Each structure stands twice: as C-alpha cells, then as structure tokens.
C-alpha cells in the first residue's frame, strides 16, 4: 500500500509537467524534392546552389586576396629555421598571421565599407554598383604587391588583350598573379631568415667535429644558441616590423 501511495504522489506531481510538455509547440522541418513546373523555380534552385558554393569557397578566396599568404609562409620558415619543431604551435602562428592580416588590410576594408558596403546597406546603390566599387580598392592593393612579369604571365595565359589601365585588369587574372608574387616574396624572406641560423649550425657542427664529439647531435647544442640570438635581437619585433613595412604599413 505504501508503494502504491508513493506512485500516486509522484504521478500527481509530474502529471502537470507532462501536460505542459505536450502542449509545448514543437517546430517541424520538411524537405521536399518535387518536379519544377516553371523555369523560375529552377533558376531559384540554381542560385541557391551557387550561393552555397561561393560561401564554402569564401574563406580560401579571402585568404588568397589578403597578406595572410606571405605572413603564414614566413612564420613557417622561421620556425623551421630555428629548429623548434612545433613551437610556437600552429594555432599561435595562424592567430598571429590573422591579426596581422586584419591590421594590414584594415585601410582597404574601411574603404570598401565606406564606398560600397555601407551605401548598399542604406539602399543608395544596387548590388551591381556595390560590387564594382568594391573591386577598386582590392585591385589597387593587389596591383601594389604584384610583380609585372607574374601579371603578364596570366594575361598571356588568359589570351586577352593587354590592359591599358589598372581598372582594365580583371580580378580573375590579378588574383593568381598576386598569389605567386606573394609566395616568391615569402620564400625570399624565408631564405634570408635561414642564413644566420644556418651559420650557427655550421659553427657548432665544426666545433663538435674538431673536439671528436661526432656522436652528439649538433642540433642539441645549436638550438639554445639560436634561441638566445633570436631573443637578444628581439626577433619577433624585427620580423613583424619588416613584414608590416613590406606591405607599406
């Protein structure tokens, strides 16, 4: 009888909560695949697919149009030259490269917002006009950091006439030219970074060989010296400042 009474008490307590849960509206989602009856319906579906594709590729496109490529490659070469393997970790290097990218690209983004995005949000211009105005500051930044021979390579490969002005250069030609120019610049900076650390490795290896300590890995002795040299010259400050100056900041 006590067990039955306890069950009745529990049921009387939780019965109102169960009713409230039943009365709570639960949204439903339906996905249907039906045959289109009008051409407009097919066009809308294709526009949605194209938009989703662009959104998926947007991060890669934005990275290739910003200073991120040069920064991340230089930091990778620096870590390899120092021989610290995974220190600083990838998260730190990527985060530093991203924030420096925001810092360098801020004037361009501000100009895009003032001349293109803000007027479009205020419904002062159409999206076609906004897109055309947004290309001007981006094109100016890319041309400033693109070599002429790299640009000529893709202009020739695209089989188009030589652009007469900067506004005539297509972004489809300018972006890949900018990317290979950035890679070349980053590799040159990486080579310069390797030289002092390579000298330390050669000196340490020569000293160990002269002392007959051939079984001792030179990296164990040279790594502290390379870290000490990098800290004494304030390496992060010098490299970050040189990268900022290379973009004209």
Protein backbone atom coordinates (compact mmCIF):
# COMPACT_ATOMS: atom_id res chain seq x y z
CA UNK A 1 0.00 0.00 0.00
CA UNK A 2 2.88 2.38 0.78
CA UNK A 3 4.43 1.73 -2.63
CA UNK A 4 1.11 2.34 -4.39
CA UNK A 5 0.62 5.55 -2.41
CA UNK A 6 4.10 6.77 -3.30
CA UNK A 7 3.44 6.08 -7.00
CA UNK A 8 0.22 8.08 -6.84
CA UNK A 9 2.01 11.03 -5.23
CA UNK A 10 4.77 11.00 -7.91
CA UNK A 11 2.18 10.79 -10.68
CA UNK A 12 0.20 13.69 -9.23
CA UNK A 13 3.37 15.82 -9.12
CA UNK A 14 4.65 15.10 -12.64
CA UNK A 15 1.29 14.96 -14.41
CA UNK A 16 1.02 18.79 -14.83
CA UNK A 17 4.59 18.90 -16.19
CA UNK A 18 3.78 16.20 -18.70
CA UNK A 19 0.70 18.11 -19.86
CA UNK A 20 2.77 21.27 -20.20
CA UNK A 21 5.37 19.39 -22.24
CA UNK A 22 2.67 18.04 -24.53
CA UNK A 23 1.17 21.50 -25.04
CA UNK A 24 4.59 23.00 -25.89
CA UNK A 25 4.73 23.68 -29.65
CA UNK A 26 7.48 21.73 -31.40
CA UNK A 27 8.58 23.11 -34.77
CA UNK A 28 8.81 20.77 -37.71
CA UNK A 29 11.05 20.90 -40.76
CA UNK A 30 10.11 19.41 -44.10
CA UNK A 31 12.38 18.89 -47.07
CA UNK A 32 10.65 18.05 -50.32
CA UNK A 33 12.05 17.22 -53.74
CA UNK A 34 9.41 17.98 -56.33
CA UNK A 35 9.37 18.45 -60.06
CA UNK A 36 9.62 22.07 -61.12
CA UNK A 37 6.71 23.35 -63.15
CA UNK A 38 8.15 26.74 -64.14
CA UNK A 39 11.61 27.90 -65.27
CA UNK A 40 11.71 30.45 -62.44
CA UNK A 41 11.70 27.67 -59.86
CA UNK A 42 14.75 26.04 -61.47
CA UNK A 43 16.55 29.40 -61.56
CA UNK A 44 15.97 29.94 -57.83
CA UNK A 45 17.37 26.49 -57.01
CA UNK A 46 20.46 27.13 -59.13
CA UNK A 47 21.01 30.50 -57.44
CA UNK A 48 20.85 28.84 -54.01
CA UNK A 49 23.37 26.18 -55.08
CA UNK A 50 25.71 28.84 -56.48
CA UNK A 51 25.43 30.89 -53.27
CA UNK A 52 26.25 27.89 -51.06
CA UNK A 53 29.24 27.07 -53.28
CA UNK A 54 30.55 30.63 -53.00
CA UNK A 55 30.10 30.62 -49.22
CA UNK A 56 32.06 27.35 -48.98
CA UNK A 57 34.94 28.79 -51.02
CA UNK A 58 34.81 32.28 -49.47
CA UNK A 59 37.45 31.66 -46.74
CA UNK A 60 40.00 30.37 -49.28
CA UNK A 61 39.26 33.23 -51.68
CA UNK A 62 39.61 35.86 -48.96
CA UNK A 63 42.87 34.33 -47.72
CA UNK A 64 44.39 34.45 -51.21
CA UNK A 65 43.42 38.12 -51.61
CA UNK A 66 44.98 39.27 -48.33
CA UNK A 67 48.53 39.39 -46.85
CA UNK A 68 47.82 36.13 -44.98
CA UNK A 69 49.71 34.03 -47.54
CA UNK A 70 53.03 35.86 -47.11
CA UNK A 71 52.72 36.03 -43.33
CA UNK A 72 51.95 32.37 -42.71
CA UNK A 73 54.71 31.15 -45.06
CA UNK A 74 57.32 33.42 -43.44
CA UNK A 75 56.37 32.29 -39.94
CA UNK A 76 56.57 28.67 -41.05
CA UNK A 77 60.08 29.19 -42.46
CA UNK A 78 61.11 30.95 -39.25
CA UNK A 79 60.03 28.01 -37.12
CA UNK A 80 61.82 25.56 -39.39
CA UNK A 81 65.00 27.66 -39.39
CA UNK A 82 65.07 27.83 -35.60
CA UNK A 83 64.55 24.07 -35.39
CA UNK A 84 61.92 24.28 -32.66
CA UNK A 85 59.66 21.79 -34.47
CA UNK A 86 56.16 22.59 -33.14
CA UNK A 87 56.92 25.69 -31.07
CA UNK A 88 55.23 28.11 -31.44
CA UNK A 89 52.24 25.83 -32.18
CA UNK A 90 50.22 26.17 -35.36
CA UNK A 91 47.34 27.87 -33.54
CA UNK A 92 49.61 30.68 -32.35
CA UNK A 93 51.20 31.18 -35.78
CA UNK A 94 47.84 31.19 -37.58
CA UNK A 95 46.33 33.54 -34.99
CA UNK A 96 49.23 35.97 -35.26
CA UNK A 97 49.06 35.87 -39.06
CA UNK A 98 45.30 36.52 -38.97
CA UNK A 99 45.53 39.52 -36.65
CA UNK A 100 48.41 41.00 -38.64
CA UNK A 101 46.32 40.45 -41.78
CA UNK A 102 43.44 42.41 -40.21
CA UNK A 103 45.87 45.16 -39.24
CA UNK A 104 47.41 45.44 -42.72
CA UNK A 105 44.16 45.05 -44.64
CA UNK A 106 42.16 47.46 -42.44
CA UNK A 107 42.52 50.55 -44.73
CA UNK A 108 41.34 48.53 -47.73
CA UNK A 109 38.41 47.06 -45.79
CA UNK A 110 37.47 50.51 -44.47
CA UNK A 111 37.44 51.94 -47.99
CA UNK A 112 35.27 49.04 -49.20
CA UNK A 113 32.84 49.66 -46.36
CA UNK A 114 32.60 53.42 -46.97
CA UNK A 115 32.28 53.29 -50.76
CA UNK A 116 30.48 50.02 -51.36
CA UNK A 117 29.00 48.08 -48.44
CA UNK A 118 27.52 50.94 -46.42
CA UNK A 119 25.79 52.63 -49.40
CA UNK A 120 24.39 49.24 -50.40
CA UNK A 121 23.04 48.57 -46.89
CA UNK A 122 21.49 52.04 -46.92
CA UNK A 123 19.86 51.13 -50.26
CA UNK A 124 21.55 54.00 -52.03
CA UNK A 125 23.11 51.81 -54.75
CA UNK A 126 22.38 48.43 -56.27
CA UNK A 127 24.47 45.34 -55.62
CA UNK A 128 25.97 45.54 -59.13
CA UNK A 129 27.28 49.04 -58.44
CA UNK A 130 28.44 48.00 -54.96
CA UNK A 131 30.36 45.06 -56.42
CA UNK A 132 32.07 47.27 -58.98
CA UNK A 133 33.06 49.86 -56.36
CA UNK A 134 34.39 47.16 -54.03
CA UNK A 135 36.78 45.95 -56.72
CA UNK A 136 38.67 49.25 -56.94
CA UNK A 137 40.45 49.22 -53.51
CA UNK A 138 41.08 45.47 -53.76
CA UNK A 139 42.57 45.85 -57.24
CA UNK A 140 44.74 48.72 -56.02
CA UNK A 141 46.12 46.65 -53.13
CA UNK A 142 46.76 43.58 -55.27
CA UNK A 143 48.50 45.56 -58.02
CA UNK A 144 50.72 47.25 -55.44
CA UNK A 145 52.06 43.86 -54.33
CA UNK A 146 52.12 42.01 -57.67
CA UNK A 147 55.11 41.74 -59.97
CA UNK A 148 54.64 42.79 -63.57
CA UNK A 149 56.09 39.57 -65.00
CA UNK A 150 53.68 37.47 -62.93
CA UNK A 151 50.78 39.58 -64.10
CA UNK A 152 51.98 39.35 -67.72
CA UNK A 153 52.15 35.57 -67.38
CA UNK A 154 48.46 35.21 -66.56
CA UNK A 155 47.39 37.90 -69.03
CA UNK A 156 49.15 35.94 -71.74
CA UNK A 157 47.76 32.65 -70.48
CA UNK A 158 44.21 34.02 -70.47
CA UNK A 159 44.66 35.05 -74.12
CA UNK A 160 43.27 38.55 -73.59
CA UNK A 161 44.41 41.93 -74.81
CA UNK A 162 46.92 43.87 -72.74
CA UNK A 163 45.09 46.06 -70.19
CA UNK A 164 45.59 49.75 -70.84
CA UNK A 165 44.81 50.94 -67.29
CA UNK A 166 44.64 49.45 -63.82
CA UNK A 167 40.86 49.36 -63.95
CA UNK A 168 41.02 47.10 -67.00
CA UNK A 169 42.85 44.33 -65.12
CA UNK A 170 40.45 41.50 -64.31
CA UNK A 171 40.46 40.02 -60.83
CA UNK A 172 40.47 36.53 -62.35
CA UNK A 173 43.91 37.36 -63.78
CA UNK A 174 45.14 39.53 -60.92
CA UNK A 175 44.46 37.15 -58.01
CA UNK A 176 46.63 34.20 -59.18
CA UNK A 177 49.39 36.64 -60.19
CA UNK A 178 49.24 38.16 -56.71
CA UNK A 179 49.41 34.72 -55.06
CA UNK A 180 52.58 33.61 -56.86
CA UNK A 181 54.14 37.00 -56.22
CA UNK A 182 53.41 36.62 -52.52
CA UNK A 183 54.87 33.11 -52.49
CA UNK A 184 58.06 34.31 -54.17
CA UNK A 185 58.42 37.17 -51.70
CA UNK A 186 57.77 34.85 -48.75
CA UNK A 187 60.38 32.37 -49.99
CA UNK A 188 62.96 35.15 -50.37
CA UNK A 189 62.31 36.32 -46.80
CA UNK A 190 62.48 32.71 -45.59
CA UNK A 191 65.86 32.25 -47.28
CA UNK A 192 67.21 35.37 -45.57
CA UNK A 193 65.92 34.10 -42.22
CA UNK A 194 67.66 30.78 -42.69
CA UNK A 195 71.16 32.28 -43.13
CA UNK A 196 72.02 33.30 -39.51
CA UNK A 197 70.62 30.08 -38.06
CA UNK A 198 72.46 28.03 -40.69
CA UNK A 199 75.72 29.76 -39.75
CA UNK A 200 75.21 28.82 -36.09
CA UNK A 201 74.53 25.18 -37.06
CA UNK A 202 77.71 25.06 -39.18
CA UNK A 203 79.86 26.61 -36.45
CA UNK A 204 78.53 24.22 -33.80
CA UNK A 205 78.97 21.21 -36.10
CA UNK A 206 82.56 22.24 -36.88
CA UNK A 207 83.42 22.67 -33.19
CA UNK A 208 81.93 19.28 -32.28
CA UNK A 209 83.81 17.62 -35.13
CA UNK A 210 87.08 19.23 -34.03
CA UNK A 211 86.51 18.01 -30.48
CA UNK A 212 85.83 14.48 -31.69
CA UNK A 213 82.21 14.52 -30.43
CA UNK A 214 80.77 13.15 -33.66
CA UNK A 215 78.04 11.13 -31.94
CA UNK A 216 76.49 14.20 -30.32
CA UNK A 217 73.71 15.73 -32.47
CA UNK A 218 74.65 19.34 -33.32
CA UNK A 219 71.02 20.44 -33.01
CA UNK A 220 71.12 19.82 -29.24
CA UNK A 221 73.93 22.37 -28.86
CA UNK A 222 72.94 24.87 -31.54
CA UNK A 223 69.28 25.20 -30.50
CA UNK A 224 69.97 27.11 -27.26
CA UNK A 225 72.35 29.43 -29.10
CA UNK A 226 69.78 30.11 -31.81
CA UNK A 227 67.09 30.84 -29.24
CA UNK A 228 69.45 33.13 -27.34
CA UNK A 229 70.37 35.01 -30.53
CA UNK A 230 66.72 35.34 -31.53
CA UNK A 231 65.74 36.71 -28.12
CA UNK A 232 68.70 39.10 -27.84
CA UNK A 233 67.97 40.75 -31.19
CA UNK A 234 64.21 40.84 -30.39
CA UNK A 235 63.44 38.67 -33.40
CA UNK A 236 59.65 38.77 -33.27
CA UNK A 237 59.70 42.56 -33.21
CA UNK A 238 62.12 42.77 -36.14
CA UNK A 239 60.28 40.22 -38.28
CA UNK A 240 56.83 41.65 -37.57
CA UNK A 241 58.03 45.18 -38.28
CA UNK A 242 59.75 44.11 -41.52
CA UNK A 243 56.60 42.33 -42.70
CA UNK A 244 54.46 45.37 -41.95
CA UNK A 245 56.88 47.63 -43.82
CA UNK A 246 56.92 45.26 -46.78
CA UNK A 247 53.21 45.99 -47.25
CA UNK A 248 53.69 49.71 -46.81
CA UNK A 249 52.20 49.90 -43.30
